[in-house]
Amino acid sequence: MELVIGEDGMPRCWWGSGPDYAPYHDEEWGRPSTEDTRLFEKICLEGFQSGLSWLTVLRKRENFRAAFAGFEPGIVAGFGEDDVARLLGDAGIIRHQGKIRSTINNAGRALELIEEKGSLAGYFWSWAEPEQPPPVEIPAVTETSTAISKDLKRRGWSFVGPTTTYAFMQAIGLVNDHLEGCHVREECASSRRRVLGLDL
């Protein structure tokens, strides 16, 4: 793992260069997300990414948003067989029947979680760890991602294995895996402190 210097002269994590990845790296990845629709979208898209490149999903994200009603759980939970057929025929998304049905199922489970915890944010951010030093190595799974995965599966979620869950945690800022020297690491750390109530 090392930093790369972009054409704009800014140091980024090794994966965050190029016209597709750089904006995602700079503006989204690792920045705390607390809006339920975005959290639901992200965990669903991480499930679609399973076995594929994230770039494949990123390039189709707007198509996914259109196909899945903006990832509003209350709408997606009501999708039926006609919607499954429509989605399987949509070349703009990843047409994997298991992942499509999982997204519909998980929407229902998300509504249950919102009813129980008040919000998806309230649930997921209860798992957040306090500030950490910059990573030296980035794991594929952690004890926390494994625990979240087990809890979600117990609640009936699918396509939320420990690796998928850790990628979700990285993306929404539950952990800050930007490398030391990355130009957005401290911005993400500061935002996390605010969300966690540590920046008083």
Protein backbone atom coordinates (compact mmCIF):
# COMPACT_ATOMS: atom_id res chain seq x y z
CA MET A 1 0.00 0.00 0.00
CA GLU A 2 1.35 3.39 -0.92
CA LEU A 3 0.30 6.84 -1.96
CA VAL A 4 -0.02 7.90 -5.57
CA ILE A 5 0.32 11.46 -6.78
CA GLY A 6 -2.45 12.45 -9.12
CA GLU A 7 -2.20 14.70 -12.15
CA ASP A 8 -3.42 17.49 -9.86
CA GLY A 9 -0.43 16.92 -7.58
CA MET A 10 -2.54 15.60 -4.70
CA PRO A 11 -1.47 12.46 -2.79
CA ARG A 12 -4.10 9.74 -2.66
CA CYS A 13 -4.43 6.15 -1.52
CA TRP A 14 -2.92 3.76 -4.07
CA TRP A 15 -6.29 2.82 -5.56
CA GLY A 16 -7.72 6.33 -5.81
CA SER A 17 -6.33 7.58 -9.11
CA GLY A 18 -7.92 7.89 -12.50
CA PRO A 19 -11.02 9.71 -13.75
CA ASP A 20 -13.51 7.32 -12.13
CA TYR A 21 -11.83 6.50 -8.85
CA ALA A 22 -10.33 9.88 -7.91
CA PRO A 23 -13.68 11.70 -7.41
CA TYR A 24 -15.07 8.73 -5.48
CA HIS A 25 -11.94 8.56 -3.33
CA ASP A 26 -11.88 12.30 -2.66
CA GLU A 27 -15.57 13.03 -2.19
CA GLU A 28 -17.18 9.85 -0.82
CA TRP A 29 -15.00 6.97 0.38
CA GLY A 30 -14.38 7.16 4.10
CA ARG A 31 -16.53 10.25 4.61
CA PRO A 32 -19.16 9.58 7.28
CA SER A 33 -22.59 8.86 5.87
CA THR A 34 -25.60 9.12 8.18
CA GLU A 35 -28.49 9.30 5.70
CA ASP A 36 -30.50 6.10 5.67
CA THR A 37 -31.18 5.97 1.94
CA ARG A 38 -27.48 6.32 1.17
CA LEU A 39 -26.57 3.70 3.76
CA PHE A 40 -29.07 1.28 2.26
CA GLU A 41 -27.81 2.03 -1.24
CA LYS A 42 -24.23 1.47 -0.23
CA ILE A 43 -24.72 -1.86 1.49
CA CYS A 44 -26.79 -3.10 -1.47
CA LEU A 45 -24.19 -1.98 -4.02
CA GLU A 46 -21.42 -3.61 -2.00
CA GLY A 47 -23.46 -6.80 -2.27
CA PHE A 48 -23.73 -6.38 -6.04
CA GLN A 49 -19.96 -5.84 -6.17
CA SER A 50 -19.28 -9.24 -4.60
CA GLY A 51 -17.05 -11.14 -7.01
CA LEU A 52 -16.68 -8.13 -9.32
CA SER A 53 -14.68 -4.92 -9.54
CA TRP A 54 -16.06 -1.95 -7.61
CA LEU A 55 -15.39 0.11 -10.74
CA THR A 56 -18.02 -1.97 -12.56
CA VAL A 57 -20.59 -1.01 -9.92
CA LEU A 58 -19.46 2.60 -9.72
CA ARG A 59 -19.94 3.10 -13.45
CA LYS A 60 -23.46 1.65 -13.24
CA ARG A 61 -24.47 3.42 -10.03
CA GLU A 62 -26.84 5.93 -11.62
CA ASN A 63 -28.53 3.09 -13.48
CA PHE A 64 -28.91 1.21 -10.20
CA ARG A 65 -30.45 4.27 -8.56
CA ALA A 66 -32.98 4.60 -11.36
CA ALA A 67 -33.77 0.88 -11.35
CA PHE A 68 -34.18 0.64 -7.57
CA ALA A 69 -36.24 3.80 -6.95
CA GLY A 70 -33.32 5.70 -5.46
CA PHE A 71 -32.83 2.88 -2.95
CA GLU A 72 -35.74 4.04 -0.84
CA PRO A 73 -36.29 0.98 1.37
CA GLY A 74 -40.02 1.63 1.68
CA ILE A 75 -40.42 1.44 -2.09
CA VAL A 76 -37.97 -1.37 -2.82
CA ALA A 77 -39.52 -3.57 -0.13
CA GLY A 78 -42.73 -3.52 -2.17
CA PHE A 79 -41.13 -4.79 -5.37
CA GLY A 80 -42.75 -7.94 -6.75
CA GLU A 81 -42.13 -10.47 -9.48
CA ASP A 82 -42.84 -7.94 -12.24
CA ASP A 83 -40.06 -5.78 -10.81
CA VAL A 84 -37.69 -8.75 -10.64
CA ALA A 85 -38.39 -9.46 -14.32
CA ARG A 86 -37.89 -5.77 -15.16
CA LEU A 87 -34.56 -5.68 -13.33
CA LEU A 88 -33.35 -8.89 -14.92
CA GLY A 89 -34.00 -7.26 -18.28
CA ASP A 90 -32.18 -4.03 -17.42
CA ALA A 91 -28.79 -4.05 -19.17
CA GLY A 92 -27.78 -0.95 -17.22
CA ILE A 93 -27.34 -2.88 -13.97
CA ILE A 94 -25.78 -6.17 -12.88
CA ARG A 95 -28.45 -8.73 -13.75
CA HIS A 96 -27.86 -11.27 -11.02
CA GLN A 97 -31.15 -12.71 -9.83
CA GLY A 98 -29.85 -13.61 -6.38
CA LYS A 99 -28.51 -10.13 -5.75
CA ILE A 100 -31.67 -8.48 -7.09
CA ARG A 101 -33.87 -10.58 -4.81
CA SER A 102 -31.47 -9.94 -1.94
CA THR A 103 -31.86 -6.18 -2.38
CA ILE A 104 -35.65 -6.48 -2.24
CA ASN A 105 -35.44 -8.73 0.82
CA ASN A 106 -32.94 -6.44 2.53
CA ALA A 107 -35.23 -3.46 1.99
CA GLY A 108 -37.82 -5.16 4.15
CA ARG A 109 -35.21 -6.01 6.75
CA ALA A 110 -34.01 -2.39 6.67
CA LEU A 111 -37.53 -1.19 7.47
CA GLU A 112 -37.61 -3.55 10.44
CA LEU A 113 -34.25 -2.25 11.62
CA ILE A 114 -35.39 1.35 11.27
CA GLU A 115 -38.50 0.58 13.30
CA GLU A 116 -36.39 -1.06 16.01
CA LYS A 117 -33.42 1.33 16.13
CA GLY A 118 -34.96 4.55 14.85
CA SER A 119 -32.73 4.68 11.78
CA LEU A 120 -30.17 2.68 9.86
CA ALA A 121 -27.62 5.27 10.91
CA GLY A 122 -28.44 4.64 14.55
CA TYR A 123 -27.78 0.95 14.04
CA PHE A 124 -24.63 1.09 11.94
CA TRP A 125 -22.95 3.94 13.80
CA SER A 126 -23.40 2.07 17.07
CA TRP A 127 -20.68 -0.24 15.70
CA ALA A 128 -18.23 2.56 14.90
CA GLU A 129 -14.82 2.33 16.48
CA PRO A 130 -13.11 5.41 17.92
CA GLU A 131 -10.23 7.11 16.19
CA GLN A 132 -7.51 4.86 14.88
CA PRO A 133 -4.00 5.54 13.62
CA PRO A 134 -3.50 5.43 9.85
CA PRO A 135 -3.55 1.85 8.61
CA VAL A 136 -0.33 0.02 7.85
CA GLU A 137 -2.23 -2.90 6.39
CA ILE A 138 -5.87 -2.98 5.37
CA PRO A 139 -7.64 -6.23 6.25
CA ALA A 140 -10.36 -7.86 4.21
CA VAL A 141 -12.39 -8.56 7.35
CA THR A 142 -12.27 -7.51 11.00
CA GLU A 143 -13.87 -8.69 14.20
CA THR A 144 -16.37 -5.85 13.92
CA SER A 145 -17.29 -6.56 10.29
CA THR A 146 -17.75 -10.21 11.21
CA ALA A 147 -19.97 -9.28 14.16
CA ILE A 148 -22.10 -6.92 12.05
CA SER A 149 -22.39 -9.56 9.31
CA LYS A 150 -23.56 -12.17 11.80
CA ASP A 151 -26.07 -9.78 13.34
CA LEU A 152 -27.50 -8.73 9.97
CA LYS A 153 -27.78 -12.36 8.84
CA ARG A 154 -29.54 -13.19 12.09
CA ARG A 155 -32.01 -10.44 11.19
CA GLY A 156 -32.62 -12.00 7.76
CA TRP A 157 -30.29 -9.90 5.56
CA SER A 158 -28.39 -11.56 2.72
CA PHE A 159 -25.26 -10.80 0.68
CA VAL A 160 -23.77 -9.19 3.78
CA GLY A 161 -20.73 -11.38 4.43
CA PRO A 162 -17.84 -10.09 6.56
CA THR A 163 -15.80 -8.92 3.54
CA THR A 164 -18.75 -7.09 1.99
CA THR A 165 -19.55 -5.58 5.38
CA TYR A 166 -16.00 -4.33 5.87
CA ALA A 167 -16.01 -2.69 2.43
CA PHE A 168 -19.26 -1.01 3.47
CA MET A 169 -17.69 0.14 6.75
CA GLN A 170 -14.77 1.67 4.85
CA ALA A 171 -17.01 3.41 2.35
CA ILE A 172 -19.36 5.05 4.87
CA GLY A 173 -16.68 6.09 7.34
CA LEU A 174 -17.23 3.61 10.16
CA VAL A 175 -13.47 3.21 9.83
CA ASN A 176 -10.97 5.60 8.27
CA ASP A 177 -8.69 3.57 6.03
CA HIS A 178 -7.18 6.48 4.13
CA LEU A 179 -3.41 6.18 4.33
CA GLU A 180 -1.14 8.54 6.22
CA GLY A 181 -0.35 11.42 3.90
CA CYS A 182 -3.53 11.03 1.83
CA HIS A 183 -4.90 14.50 1.29
CA VAL A 184 -8.41 13.64 2.54
CA ARG A 185 -7.48 11.51 5.57
CA GLU A 186 -7.71 14.33 8.12
CA GLU A 187 -10.95 15.68 6.64
CA CYS A 188 -12.51 12.22 7.05
CA ALA A 189 -11.10 11.91 10.58
CA SER A 190 -12.53 15.29 11.55
CA SER A 191 -15.94 14.40 10.12
CA ARG A 192 -15.91 11.11 12.03
CA ARG A 193 -15.14 12.93 15.26
CA ARG A 194 -18.14 15.18 14.72
CA VAL A 195 -20.47 12.27 14.00
CA LEU A 196 -19.19 10.37 17.03
CA GLY A 197 -19.50 13.45 19.26
CA LEU A 198 -15.77 13.53 19.95
CA ASP A 199 -15.04 16.90 18.36
CA LEU A 200 -16.48 19.09 21.11
